[in-house]
């Protein structure tokens, strides 16, 4: 894919152009995108190659942090969210675009905003 502004060839999953710095529009498909960072997942992947998040079906993952539930679990072992609640907000989200991010992140991987 090339930058729509200057035509520079872009690396896969680039969020900004290396030639002009323009933000690159992201094309995502809900069925094969990481629920955590939005990167495209390789078919059959168990983890995202970009951020390391588990690539699990939403029916077997925590609605808050996307960690896979262990069989019979009533609460998430990572964030403590109940396994039956699907309306909980993510732990950390970008205030500009709403994209979830891991603790310690300094800039949003989707919109580039500083995380304060």
PDB file of N, CA and C in Angstrom:
ATOM      1  N   UNK A   1       0.841  -1.176   0.000  1.00  0.00           N
ATOM      2  CA  UNK A   1       0.000   0.000   0.000  1.00  0.00           C
ATOM      3  C   UNK A   1       0.889   1.243   0.000  1.00  0.00           C
ATOM      4  N   UNK A   2       0.440   2.262  -0.684  1.00  0.00           N
ATOM      5  CA  UNK A   2       1.179   3.518  -0.752  1.00  0.00           C
ATOM      6  C   UNK A   2       0.454   4.606   0.022  1.00  0.00           C
ATOM      7  N   UNK A   3       1.224   5.577   0.506  1.00  0.00           N
ATOM      8  CA  UNK A   3       0.667   6.721   1.225  1.00  0.00           C
ATOM      9  C   UNK A   3      -0.261   7.494   0.285  1.00  0.00           C
ATOM     10  N   UNK A   4      -1.489   7.787   0.735  1.00  0.00           N
ATOM     11  CA  UNK A   4      -2.409   8.530  -0.123  1.00  0.00           C
ATOM     12  C   UNK A   4      -1.988   9.987  -0.330  1.00  0.00           C
ATOM     13  N   UNK A   5      -1.098  10.496   0.528  1.00  0.00           N
ATOM     14  CA  UNK A   5      -0.685  11.892   0.424  1.00  0.00           C
ATOM     15  C   UNK A   5       0.541  12.063  -0.472  1.00  0.00           C
ATOM     16  N   UNK A   6       1.601  11.230  -0.248  1.00  0.00           N
ATOM     17  CA  UNK A   6       2.856  11.441  -0.993  1.00  0.00           C
ATOM     18  C   UNK A   6       3.258  10.265  -1.873  1.00  0.00           C
ATOM     19  N   UNK A   7       2.588   9.109  -1.728  1.00  0.00           N
ATOM     20  CA  UNK A   7       2.886   7.956  -2.573  1.00  0.00           C
ATOM     21  C   UNK A   7       3.986   7.047  -2.077  1.00  0.00           C
ATOM     22  N   UNK A   8       4.585   7.321  -0.918  1.00  0.00           N
ATOM     23  CA  UNK A   8       5.643   6.473  -0.363  1.00  0.00           C
ATOM     24  C   UNK A   8       5.090   5.081  -0.071  1.00  0.00           C
ATOM     25  N   UNK A   9       5.875   4.039  -0.387  1.00  0.00           N
ATOM     26  CA  UNK A   9       5.485   2.672  -0.081  1.00  0.00           C
ATOM     27  C   UNK A   9       5.475   2.493   1.430  1.00  0.00           C
ATOM     28  N   UNK A  10       4.369   1.981   1.968  1.00  0.00           N
ATOM     29  CA  UNK A  10       4.204   1.830   3.411  1.00  0.00           C
ATOM     30  C   UNK A  10       4.452   0.406   3.852  1.00  0.00           C
ATOM     31  N   UNK A  11       4.995   0.244   5.060  1.00  0.00           N
ATOM     32  CA  UNK A  11       5.138  -1.081   5.650  1.00  0.00           C
ATOM     33  C   UNK A  11       3.764  -1.576   6.075  1.00  0.00           C
ATOM     34  N   UNK A  12       3.607  -2.904   6.161  1.00  0.00           N
ATOM     35  CA  UNK A  12       2.349  -3.483   6.587  1.00  0.00           C
ATOM     36  C   UNK A  12       2.003  -2.999   7.989  1.00  0.00           C
ATOM     37  N   UNK A  13       0.763  -2.645   8.221  1.00  0.00           N
ATOM     38  CA  UNK A  13       0.238  -2.159   9.497  1.00  0.00           C
ATOM     39  C   UNK A  13       0.783  -0.790   9.903  1.00  0.00           C
ATOM     40  N   UNK A  14       1.390  -0.045   8.969  1.00  0.00           N
ATOM     41  CA  UNK A  14       1.898   1.287   9.297  1.00  0.00           C
ATOM     42  C   UNK A  14       0.731   2.199   9.669  1.00  0.00           C
ATOM     43  N   UNK A  15       0.940   3.006  10.693  1.00  0.00           N
ATOM     44  CA  UNK A  15      -0.085   3.937  11.125  1.00  0.00           C
ATOM     45  C   UNK A  15       0.226   5.354  10.650  1.00  0.00           C
ATOM     46  N   UNK A  16       1.518   5.613  10.348  1.00  0.00           N
ATOM     47  CA  UNK A  16       1.944   6.896   9.832  1.00  0.00           C
ATOM     48  C   UNK A  16       2.933   6.666   8.692  1.00  0.00           C
ATOM     49  N   UNK A  17       2.945   7.568   7.722  1.00  0.00           N
ATOM     50  CA  UNK A  17       3.840   7.480   6.569  1.00  0.00           C
ATOM     51  C   UNK A  17       5.255   7.858   6.985  1.00  0.00           C
ATOM     52  N   UNK A  18       6.251   7.075   6.547  1.00  0.00           N
ATOM     53  CA  UNK A  18       7.648   7.374   6.863  1.00  0.00           C
ATOM     54  C   UNK A  18       8.203   8.470   5.956  1.00  0.00           C
ATOM     55  N   UNK A  19       7.502   8.796   4.892  1.00  0.00           N
ATOM     56  CA  UNK A  19       7.961   9.824   3.972  1.00  0.00           C
ATOM     57  C   UNK A  19       7.465  11.220   4.301  1.00  0.00           C
ATOM     58  N   UNK A  20       6.198  11.336   4.735  1.00  0.00           N
ATOM     59  CA  UNK A  20       5.642  12.663   4.990  1.00  0.00           C
ATOM     60  C   UNK A  20       5.030  12.808   6.372  1.00  0.00           C
ATOM     61  N   UNK A  21       4.874  11.699   7.104  1.00  0.00           N
ATOM     62  CA  UNK A  21       4.327  11.749   8.452  1.00  0.00           C
ATOM     63  C   UNK A  21       2.821  11.758   8.532  1.00  0.00           C
ATOM     64  N   UNK A  22       2.151  11.650   7.383  1.00  0.00           N
ATOM     65  CA  UNK A  22       0.683  11.663   7.380  1.00  0.00           C
ATOM     66  C   UNK A  22       0.132  10.396   8.028  1.00  0.00           C
ATOM     67  N   UNK A  23      -1.008  10.531   8.714  1.00  0.00           N
ATOM     68  CA  UNK A  23      -1.659   9.370   9.296  1.00  0.00           C
ATOM     69  C   UNK A  23      -2.238   8.520   8.170  1.00  0.00           C
ATOM     70  N   UNK A  24      -2.036   7.222   8.248  1.00  0.00           N
ATOM     71  CA  UNK A  24      -2.488   6.289   7.220  1.00  0.00           C
ATOM     72  C   UNK A  24      -3.855   5.754   7.622  1.00  0.00           C
ATOM     73  N   UNK A  25      -4.850   5.844   6.745  1.00  0.00           N
ATOM     74  CA  UNK A  25      -6.159   5.280   7.083  1.00  0.00           C
ATOM     75  C   UNK A  25      -6.042   3.770   7.261  1.00  0.00           C
ATOM     76  N   UNK A  26      -6.654   3.268   8.321  1.00  0.00           N
ATOM     77  CA  UNK A  26      -6.571   1.849   8.632  1.00  0.00           C
ATOM     78  C   UNK A  26      -7.809   1.133   8.125  1.00  0.00           C
ATOM     79  N   UNK A  27      -7.583   0.051   7.381  1.00  0.00           N
ATOM     80  CA  UNK A  27      -8.668  -0.786   6.902  1.00  0.00           C
ATOM     81  C   UNK A  27      -8.670  -2.025   7.780  1.00  0.00           C
ATOM     82  N   UNK A  28      -9.789  -2.234   8.487  1.00  0.00           N
ATOM     83  CA  UNK A  28      -9.856  -3.353   9.412  1.00  0.00           C
ATOM     84  C   UNK A  28     -11.094  -4.186   9.147  1.00  0.00           C
ATOM     85  N   UNK A  29     -10.935  -5.462   9.309  1.00  0.00           N
ATOM     86  CA  UNK A  29     -12.051  -6.384   9.213  1.00  0.00           C
ATOM     87  C   UNK A  29     -12.284  -6.971  10.590  1.00  0.00           C
ATOM     88  N   UNK A  30     -13.500  -6.906  11.077  1.00  0.00           N
ATOM     89  CA  UNK A  30     -13.784  -7.346  12.440  1.00  0.00           C
ATOM     90  C   UNK A  30     -13.469  -8.821  12.652  1.00  0.00           C
ATOM     91  N   UNK A  31     -13.574  -9.639  11.611  1.00  0.00           N
ATOM     92  CA  UNK A  31     -13.389 -11.072  11.788  1.00  0.00           C
ATOM     93  C   UNK A  31     -11.928 -11.480  11.911  1.00  0.00           C
ATOM     94  N   UNK A  32     -10.983 -10.693  11.363  1.00  0.00           N
ATOM     95  CA  UNK A  32      -9.584 -11.102  11.461  1.00  0.00           C
ATOM     96  C   UNK A  32      -8.690  -9.986  11.983  1.00  0.00           C
ATOM     97  N   UNK A  33      -9.233  -9.139  12.865  1.00  0.00           N
ATOM     98  CA  UNK A  33      -8.455  -8.068  13.470  1.00  0.00           C
ATOM     99  C   UNK A  33      -8.300  -8.324  14.961  1.00  0.00           C
ATOM    100  N   UNK A  34      -7.179  -7.900  15.507  1.00  0.00           N
ATOM    101  CA  UNK A  34      -6.936  -8.002  16.934  1.00  0.00           C
ATOM    102  C   UNK A  34      -7.924  -7.100  17.663  1.00  0.00           C
ATOM    103  N   UNK A  35      -8.601  -7.631  18.652  1.00  0.00           N
ATOM    104  CA  UNK A  35      -9.563  -6.839  19.411  1.00  0.00           C
ATOM    105  C   UNK A  35      -8.875  -5.807  20.285  1.00  0.00           C
ATOM    106  N   UNK A  36      -7.589  -5.982  20.534  1.00  0.00           N
ATOM    107  CA  UNK A  36      -6.852  -5.082  21.417  1.00  0.00           C
ATOM    108  C   UNK A  36      -6.246  -3.902  20.665  1.00  0.00           C
ATOM    109  N   UNK A  37      -5.545  -4.177  19.540  1.00  0.00           N
ATOM    110  CA  UNK A  37      -4.847  -3.090  18.837  1.00  0.00           C
ATOM    111  C   UNK A  37      -5.358  -2.850  17.421  1.00  0.00           C
ATOM    112  N   UNK A  38      -6.171  -3.760  16.877  1.00  0.00           N
ATOM    113  CA  UNK A  38      -6.726  -3.576  15.548  1.00  0.00           C
ATOM    114  C   UNK A  38      -5.881  -4.107  14.406  1.00  0.00           C
ATOM    115  N   UNK A  39      -4.689  -4.651  14.708  1.00  0.00           N
ATOM    116  CA  UNK A  39      -3.822  -5.185  13.654  1.00  0.00           C
ATOM    117  C   UNK A  39      -4.464  -6.412  13.017  1.00  0.00           C
ATOM    118  N   UNK A  40      -4.166  -6.650  11.746  1.00  0.00           N
ATOM    119  CA  UNK A  40      -4.692  -7.810  11.040  1.00  0.00           C
ATOM    120  C   UNK A  40      -4.025  -9.075  11.573  1.00  0.00           C
ATOM    121  N   UNK A  41      -4.832 -10.082  11.881  1.00  0.00           N
ATOM    122  CA  UNK A  41      -4.334 -11.347  12.399  1.00  0.00           C
ATOM    123  C   UNK A  41      -4.121 -12.349  11.265  1.00  0.00           C
ATOM    124  N   UNK A  42      -3.087 -13.134  11.379  1.00  0.00           N
ATOM    125  CA  UNK A  42      -2.838 -14.212  10.437  1.00  0.00           C
ATOM    126  C   UNK A  42      -3.856 -15.309  10.733  1.00  0.00           C
ATOM    127  N   UNK A  43      -4.363 -15.961   9.703  1.00  0.00           N
ATOM    128  CA  UNK A  43      -5.348 -17.021   9.893  1.00  0.00           C
ATOM    129  C   UNK A  43      -4.808 -18.091  10.836  1.00  0.00           C
ATOM    130  N   UNK A  44      -5.584 -18.435  11.856  1.00  0.00           N
ATOM    131  CA  UNK A  44      -5.200 -19.455  12.819  1.00  0.00           C
ATOM    132  C   UNK A  44      -4.305 -18.959  13.943  1.00  0.00           C
ATOM    133  N   UNK A  45      -3.992 -17.675  13.964  1.00  0.00           N
ATOM    134  CA  UNK A  45      -3.108 -17.131  14.998  1.00  0.00           C
ATOM    135  C   UNK A  45      -3.763 -17.220  16.367  1.00  0.00           C
ATOM    136  N   UNK A  46      -2.964 -17.556  17.384  1.00  0.00           N
ATOM    137  CA  UNK A  46      -3.459 -17.594  18.753  1.00  0.00           C
ATOM    138  C   UNK A  46      -3.140 -16.298  19.485  1.00  0.00           C
ATOM    139  N   UNK A  47      -2.151 -15.547  18.952  1.00  0.00           N
ATOM    140  CA  UNK A  47      -1.764 -14.271  19.544  1.00  0.00           C
ATOM    141  C   UNK A  47      -1.502 -13.258  18.437  1.00  0.00           C
ATOM    142  N   UNK A  48      -1.697 -11.987  18.743  1.00  0.00           N
ATOM    143  CA  UNK A  48      -1.431 -10.907  17.798  1.00  0.00           C
ATOM    144  C   UNK A  48       0.075 -10.708  17.674  1.00  0.00           C
ATOM    145  N   UNK A  49       0.597 -10.671  16.455  1.00  0.00           N
ATOM    146  CA  UNK A  49       2.026 -10.479  16.217  1.00  0.00           C
ATOM    147  C   UNK A  49       2.446  -9.040  16.488  1.00  0.00           C
ATOM    148  N   UNK A  50       1.501  -8.107  16.543  1.00  0.00           N
ATOM    149  CA  UNK A  50       1.820  -6.697  16.727  1.00  0.00           C
ATOM    150  C   UNK A  50       1.876  -6.301  18.208  1.00  0.00           C
ATOM    151  N   UNK A  51       0.871  -6.735  19.006  1.00  0.00           N
ATOM    152  CA  UNK A  51       0.824  -6.324  20.413  1.00  0.00           C
ATOM    153  C   UNK A  51       0.909  -7.485  21.400  1.00  0.00           C
ATOM    154  N   UNK A  52       0.782  -8.731  20.921  1.00  0.00           N
ATOM    155  CA  UNK A  52       0.891  -9.893  21.799  1.00  0.00           C
ATOM    156  C   UNK A  52      -0.398 -10.296  22.484  1.00  0.00           C
ATOM    157  N   UNK A  53      -1.490  -9.597  22.230  1.00  0.00           N
ATOM    158  CA  UNK A  53      -2.766  -9.933  22.859  1.00  0.00           C
ATOM    159  C   UNK A  53      -3.266 -11.275  22.333  1.00  0.00           C
ATOM    160  N   UNK A  54      -3.979 -12.007  23.201  1.00  0.00           N
ATOM    161  CA  UNK A  54      -4.545 -13.284  22.802  1.00  0.00           C
ATOM    162  C   UNK A  54      -5.618 -13.058  21.743  1.00  0.00           C
ATOM    163  N   UNK A  55      -5.571 -13.855  20.693  1.00  0.00           N
ATOM    164  CA  UNK A  55      -6.570 -13.782  19.629  1.00  0.00           C
ATOM    165  C   UNK A  55      -7.605 -14.857  19.907  1.00  0.00           C
ATOM    166  N   UNK A  56      -8.630 -14.493  20.640  1.00  0.00           N
ATOM    167  CA  UNK A  56      -9.640 -15.456  21.049  1.00  0.00           C
ATOM    168  C   UNK A  56     -11.009 -14.981  20.602  1.00  0.00           C
ATOM    169  N   UNK A  57     -11.944 -15.910  20.556  1.00  0.00           N
ATOM    170  CA  UNK A  57     -13.308 -15.517  20.216  1.00  0.00           C
ATOM    171  C   UNK A  57     -13.896 -14.738  21.376  1.00  0.00           C
ATOM    172  N   UNK A  58     -14.751 -13.789  21.070  1.00  0.00           N
ATOM    173  CA  UNK A  58     -15.313 -12.935  22.109  1.00  0.00           C
ATOM    174  C   UNK A  58     -16.168 -13.705  23.098  1.00  0.00           C
ATOM    175  N   UNK A  59     -16.674 -14.868  22.726  1.00  0.00           N
ATOM    176  CA  UNK A  59     -17.506 -15.642  23.636  1.00  0.00           C
ATOM    177  C   UNK A  59     -16.674 -16.314  24.723  1.00  0.00           C
ATOM    178  N   UNK A  60     -15.366 -16.444  24.537  1.00  0.00           N
ATOM    179  CA  UNK A  60     -14.511 -17.099  25.522  1.00  0.00           C
ATOM    180  C   UNK A  60     -13.467 -16.136  26.077  1.00  0.00           C
ATOM    181  N   UNK A  61     -13.696 -14.827  25.948  1.00  0.00           N
ATOM    182  CA  UNK A  61     -12.719 -13.853  26.413  1.00  0.00           C
ATOM    183  C   UNK A  61     -13.376 -12.834  27.332  1.00  0.00           C
ATOM    184  N   UNK A  62     -12.563 -12.284  28.214  1.00  0.00           N
ATOM    185  CA  UNK A  62     -13.028 -11.240  29.125  1.00  0.00           C
ATOM    186  C   UNK A  62     -13.469 -10.024  28.316  1.00  0.00           C
ATOM    187  N   UNK A  63     -14.638  -9.473  28.586  1.00  0.00           N
ATOM    188  CA  UNK A  63     -15.103  -8.312  27.839  1.00  0.00           C
ATOM    189  C   UNK A  63     -14.308  -7.042  28.150  1.00  0.00           C
ATOM    190  N   UNK A  64     -13.573  -7.041  29.256  1.00  0.00           N
ATOM    191  CA  UNK A  64     -12.819  -5.854  29.639  1.00  0.00           C
ATOM    192  C   UNK A  64     -11.394  -5.880  29.099  1.00  0.00           C
ATOM    193  N   UNK A  65     -10.682  -7.004  29.248  1.00  0.00           N
ATOM    194  CA  UNK A  65      -9.259  -7.018  28.868  1.00  0.00           C
ATOM    195  C   UNK A  65      -8.931  -8.037  27.781  1.00  0.00           C
ATOM    196  N   UNK A  66      -9.910  -8.790  27.284  1.00  0.00           N
ATOM    197  CA  UNK A  66      -9.763  -9.756  26.198  1.00  0.00           C
ATOM    198  C   UNK A  66      -8.891 -10.955  26.564  1.00  0.00           C
ATOM    199  N   UNK A  67      -8.683 -11.211  27.853  1.00  0.00           N
ATOM    200  CA  UNK A  67      -7.935 -12.389  28.293  1.00  0.00           C
ATOM    201  C   UNK A  67      -8.850 -13.605  28.193  1.00  0.00           C
ATOM    202  N   UNK A  68      -8.352 -14.739  27.675  1.00  0.00           N
ATOM    203  CA  UNK A  68      -9.200 -15.936  27.598  1.00  0.00           C
ATOM    204  C   UNK A  68      -9.601 -16.414  28.994  1.00  0.00           C
ATOM    205  N   UNK A  69     -10.866 -16.799  29.155  1.00  0.00           N
ATOM    206  CA  UNK A  69     -11.326 -17.367  30.417  1.00  0.00           C
ATOM    207  C   UNK A  69     -10.905 -18.820  30.515  1.00  0.00           C
ATOM    208  N   UNK A  70     -10.519 -19.240  31.716  1.00  0.00           N
ATOM    209  CA  UNK A  70     -10.262 -20.656  31.953  1.00  0.00           C
ATOM    210  C   UNK A  70     -11.621 -21.343  32.070  1.00  0.00           C
ATOM    211  N   UNK A  71     -11.710 -22.622  31.693  1.00  0.00           N
ATOM    212  CA  UNK A  71     -12.999 -23.316  31.775  1.00  0.00           C
ATOM    213  C   UNK A  71     -13.577 -23.257  33.191  1.00  0.00           C
ATOM    214  N   UNK A  72     -14.836 -22.853  33.293  1.00  0.00           N
ATOM    215  CA  UNK A  72     -15.526 -22.785  34.573  1.00  0.00           C
ATOM    216  C   UNK A  72     -15.264 -21.522  35.374  1.00  0.00           C
ATOM    217  N   UNK A  73     -14.442 -20.624  34.877  1.00  0.00           N
ATOM    218  CA  UNK A  73     -14.117 -19.395  35.605  1.00  0.00           C
ATOM    219  C   UNK A  73     -15.335 -18.488  35.710  1.00  0.00           C
ATOM    220  N   UNK A  74     -15.509 -17.869  36.884  1.00  0.00           N
ATOM    221  CA  UNK A  74     -16.598 -16.922  37.081  1.00  0.00           C
ATOM    222  C   UNK A  74     -16.093 -15.489  37.014  1.00  0.00           C
ATOM    223  N   UNK A  75     -14.756 -15.307  37.138  1.00  0.00           N
ATOM    224  CA  UNK A  75     -14.139 -13.991  37.065  1.00  0.00           C
ATOM    225  C   UNK A  75     -12.862 -14.077  36.240  1.00  0.00           C
ATOM    226  N   UNK A  76     -12.490 -12.971  35.648  1.00  0.00           N
ATOM    227  CA  UNK A  76     -11.251 -12.894  34.877  1.00  0.00           C
ATOM    228  C   UNK A  76     -10.063 -12.961  35.823  1.00  0.00           C
ATOM    229  N   UNK A  77      -9.065 -13.785  35.500  1.00  0.00           N
ATOM    230  CA  UNK A  77      -7.881 -13.922  36.330  1.00  0.00           C
ATOM    231  C   UNK A  77      -6.928 -12.748  36.217  1.00  0.00           C
ATOM    232  N   UNK A  78      -7.110 -11.871  35.236  1.00  0.00           N
ATOM    233  CA  UNK A  78      -6.217 -10.729  35.045  1.00  0.00           C
ATOM    234  C   UNK A  78      -6.805  -9.451  35.635  1.00  0.00           C
ATOM    235  N   UNK A  79      -8.056  -9.123  35.274  1.00  0.00           N
ATOM    236  CA  UNK A  79      -8.622  -7.842  35.720  1.00  0.00           C
ATOM    237  C   UNK A  79      -9.746  -7.998  36.737  1.00  0.00           C
ATOM    238  N   UNK A  80     -10.229  -9.226  36.970  1.00  0.00           N
ATOM    239  CA  UNK A  80     -11.259  -9.451  37.976  1.00  0.00           C
ATOM    240  C   UNK A  80     -12.679  -9.219  37.518  1.00  0.00           C
ATOM    241  N   UNK A  81     -12.877  -8.902  36.247  1.00  0.00           N
ATOM    242  CA  UNK A  81     -14.232  -8.663  35.739  1.00  0.00           C
ATOM    243  C   UNK A  81     -15.036  -9.958  35.770  1.00  0.00           C
ATOM    244  N   UNK A  82     -16.335  -9.867  36.074  1.00  0.00           N
ATOM    245  CA  UNK A  82     -17.172 -11.063  36.045  1.00  0.00           C
ATOM    246  C   UNK A  82     -17.244 -11.651  34.641  1.00  0.00           C
ATOM    247  N   UNK A  83     -17.267 -12.966  34.551  1.00  0.00           N
ATOM    248  CA  UNK A  83     -17.285 -13.646  33.255  1.00  0.00           C
ATOM    249  C   UNK A  83     -18.604 -13.455  32.526  1.00  0.00           C
ATOM    250  N   UNK A  84     -19.632 -13.060  33.219  1.00  0.00           N
ATOM    251  CA  UNK A  84     -20.948 -12.930  32.589  1.00  0.00           C
ATOM    252  C   UNK A  84     -21.283 -11.508  32.185  1.00  0.00           C
ATOM    253  N   UNK A  85     -20.471 -10.534  32.551  1.00  0.00           N
ATOM    254  CA  UNK A  85     -20.773  -9.136  32.229  1.00  0.00           C
ATOM    255  C   UNK A  85     -20.107  -8.750  30.926  1.00  0.00           C
ATOM    256  N   UNK A  86     -20.896  -8.327  29.946  1.00  0.00           N
ATOM    257  CA  UNK A  86     -20.335  -7.939  28.662  1.00  0.00           C
ATOM    258  C   UNK A  86     -20.400  -6.425  28.438  1.00  0.00           C
ATOM    259  N   UNK A  87     -20.843  -5.671  29.439  1.00  0.00           N
ATOM    260  CA  UNK A  87     -20.974  -4.237  29.259  1.00  0.00           C
ATOM    261  C   UNK A  87     -19.891  -3.427  29.962  1.00  0.00           C
ATOM    262  N   UNK A  88     -18.887  -4.076  30.522  1.00  0.00           N
ATOM    263  CA  UNK A  88     -17.817  -3.361  31.200  1.00  0.00           C
ATOM    264  C   UNK A  88     -16.921  -2.634  30.210  1.00  0.00           C
ATOM    265  N   UNK A  89     -16.500  -1.415  30.512  1.00  0.00           N
ATOM    266  CA  UNK A  89     -15.585  -0.712  29.616  1.00  0.00           C
ATOM    267  C   UNK A  89     -14.181  -1.291  29.727  1.00  0.00           C
ATOM    268  N   UNK A  90     -13.344  -1.129  28.715  1.00  0.00           N
ATOM    269  CA  UNK A  90     -11.959  -1.574  28.813  1.00  0.00           C
ATOM    270  C   UNK A  90     -11.251  -0.840  29.939  1.00  0.00           C
ATOM    271  N   UNK A  91     -10.191  -1.438  30.481  1.00  0.00           N
ATOM    272  CA  UNK A  91      -9.448  -0.825  31.571  1.00  0.00           C
ATOM    273  C   UNK A  91      -8.826   0.502  31.160  1.00  0.00           C
ATOM    274  N   UNK A  92      -8.146   0.532  30.039  1.00  0.00           N
ATOM    275  CA  UNK A  92      -7.467   1.731  29.560  1.00  0.00           C
ATOM    276  C   UNK A  92      -7.862   1.985  28.114  1.00  0.00           C
ATOM    277  N   UNK A  93      -8.419   3.165  27.850  1.00  0.00           N
ATOM    278  CA  UNK A  93      -8.783   3.522  26.482  1.00  0.00           C
ATOM    279  C   UNK A  93      -8.277   4.918  26.163  1.00  0.00           C
ATOM    280  N   UNK A  94      -7.936   5.130  24.912  1.00  0.00           N
ATOM    281  CA  UNK A  94      -7.499   6.441  24.442  1.00  0.00           C
ATOM    282  C   UNK A  94      -8.665   7.418  24.564  1.00  0.00           C
ATOM    283  N   UNK A  95      -8.418   8.561  25.165  1.00  0.00           N
ATOM    284  CA  UNK A  95      -9.474   9.560  25.335  1.00  0.00           C
ATOM    285  C   UNK A  95      -9.872  10.211  24.015  1.00  0.00           C
ATOM    286  N   UNK A  96      -9.003  10.118  23.003  1.00  0.00           N
ATOM    287  CA  UNK A  96      -9.288  10.722  21.703  1.00  0.00           C
ATOM    288  C   UNK A  96     -10.139   9.813  20.821  1.00  0.00           C
ATOM    289  N   UNK A  97      -9.756   8.514  20.718  1.00  0.00           N
ATOM    290  CA  UNK A  97     -10.451   7.628  19.775  1.00  0.00           C
ATOM    291  C   UNK A  97     -11.117   6.417  20.420  1.00  0.00           C
ATOM    292  N   UNK A  98     -10.862   6.162  21.728  1.00  0.00           N
ATOM    293  CA  UNK A  98     -11.503   5.046  22.413  1.00  0.00           C
ATOM    294  C   UNK A  98     -10.825   3.702  22.233  1.00  0.00           C
ATOM    295  N   UNK A  99      -9.657   3.654  21.604  1.00  0.00           N
ATOM    296  CA  UNK A  99      -8.942   2.401  21.393  1.00  0.00           C
ATOM    297  C   UNK A  99      -8.302   1.927  22.698  1.00  0.00           C
ATOM    298  N   UNK A 100      -8.480   0.651  23.069  1.00  0.00           N
ATOM    299  CA  UNK A 100      -7.842   0.147  24.289  1.00  0.00           C
ATOM    300  C   UNK A 100      -6.321   0.110  24.135  1.00  0.00           C
ATOM    301  N   UNK A 101      -5.604   0.279  25.253  1.00  0.00           N
ATOM    302  CA  UNK A 101      -4.148   0.180  25.232  1.00  0.00           C
ATOM    303  C   UNK A 101      -3.651  -0.468  26.518  1.00  0.00           C
ATOM    304  N   UNK A 102      -2.434  -1.005  26.461  1.00  0.00           N
ATOM    305  CA  UNK A 102      -1.826  -1.661  27.614  1.00  0.00           C
ATOM    306  C   UNK A 102      -1.270  -0.611  28.578  1.00  0.00           C
ATOM    307  N   UNK A 103      -1.218  -0.932  29.878  1.00  0.00           N
ATOM    308  CA  UNK A 103      -0.600  -0.016  30.833  1.00  0.00           C
ATOM    309  C   UNK A 103       0.850   0.271  30.432  1.00  0.00           C
ATOM    310  N   UNK A 104       1.268   1.509  30.601  1.00  0.00           N
ATOM    311  CA  UNK A 104       2.621   1.905  30.233  1.00  0.00           C
ATOM    312  C   UNK A 104       2.740   2.458  28.830  1.00  0.00           C
ATOM    313  N   UNK A 105       1.673   2.380  28.039  1.00  0.00           N
ATOM    314  CA  UNK A 105       1.682   2.910  26.681  1.00  0.00           C
ATOM    315  C   UNK A 105       1.745   4.428  26.742  1.00  0.00           C
ATOM    316  N   UNK A 106       2.583   5.032  25.904  1.00  0.00           N
ATOM    317  CA  UNK A 106       2.742   6.484  25.924  1.00  0.00           C
ATOM    318  C   UNK A 106       1.965   7.180  24.816  1.00  0.00           C
ATOM    319  N   UNK A 107       1.726   6.469  23.688  1.00  0.00           N
ATOM    320  CA  UNK A 107       0.987   7.047  22.571  1.00  0.00           C
ATOM    321  C   UNK A 107      -0.002   6.018  22.043  1.00  0.00           C
ATOM    322  N   UNK A 108      -1.160   6.483  21.615  1.00  0.00           N
ATOM    323  CA  UNK A 108      -2.176   5.607  21.048  1.00  0.00           C
ATOM    324  C   UNK A 108      -1.673   5.027  19.737  1.00  0.00           C
ATOM    325  N   UNK A 109      -1.788   3.715  19.575  1.00  0.00           N
ATOM    326  CA  UNK A 109      -1.344   3.054  18.357  1.00  0.00           C
ATOM    327  C   UNK A 109      -2.272   3.288  17.177  1.00  0.00           C
ATOM    328  N   UNK A 110      -3.488   3.757  17.419  1.00  0.00           N
ATOM    329  CA  UNK A 110      -4.423   3.989  16.322  1.00  0.00           C
ATOM    330  C   UNK A 110      -4.404   5.438  15.847  1.00  0.00           C
ATOM    331  N   UNK A 111      -4.479   6.393  16.785  1.00  0.00           N
ATOM    332  CA  UNK A 111      -4.577   7.803  16.374  1.00  0.00           C
ATOM    333  C   UNK A 111      -3.318   8.612  16.661  1.00  0.00           C
ATOM    334  N   UNK A 112      -2.377   8.059  17.440  1.00  0.00           N
ATOM    335  CA  UNK A 112      -1.127   8.744  17.719  1.00  0.00           C
ATOM    336  C   UNK A 112      -1.179   9.758  18.856  1.00  0.00           C
ATOM    337  N   UNK A 113      -2.333   9.884  19.502  1.00  0.00           N
ATOM    338  CA  UNK A 113      -2.465  10.838  20.618  1.00  0.00           C
ATOM    339  C   UNK A 113      -1.612  10.410  21.801  1.00  0.00           C
ATOM    340  N   UNK A 114      -1.105  11.392  22.540  1.00  0.00           N
ATOM    341  CA  UNK A 114      -0.344  11.105  23.748  1.00  0.00           C
ATOM    342  C   UNK A 114      -1.291  10.571  24.809  1.00  0.00           C
ATOM    343  N   UNK A 115      -0.866   9.507  25.497  1.00  0.00           N
ATOM    344  CA  UNK A 115      -1.631   8.928  26.591  1.00  0.00           C
ATOM    345  C   UNK A 115      -1.137   9.570  27.875  1.00  0.00           C
ATOM    346  N   UNK A 116      -1.999  10.279  28.566  1.00  0.00           N
ATOM    347  CA  UNK A 116      -1.588  10.981  29.785  1.00  0.00           C
ATOM    348  C   UNK A 116      -1.944  10.219  31.025  1.00  0.00           C
TER     349      UNK A 116
END
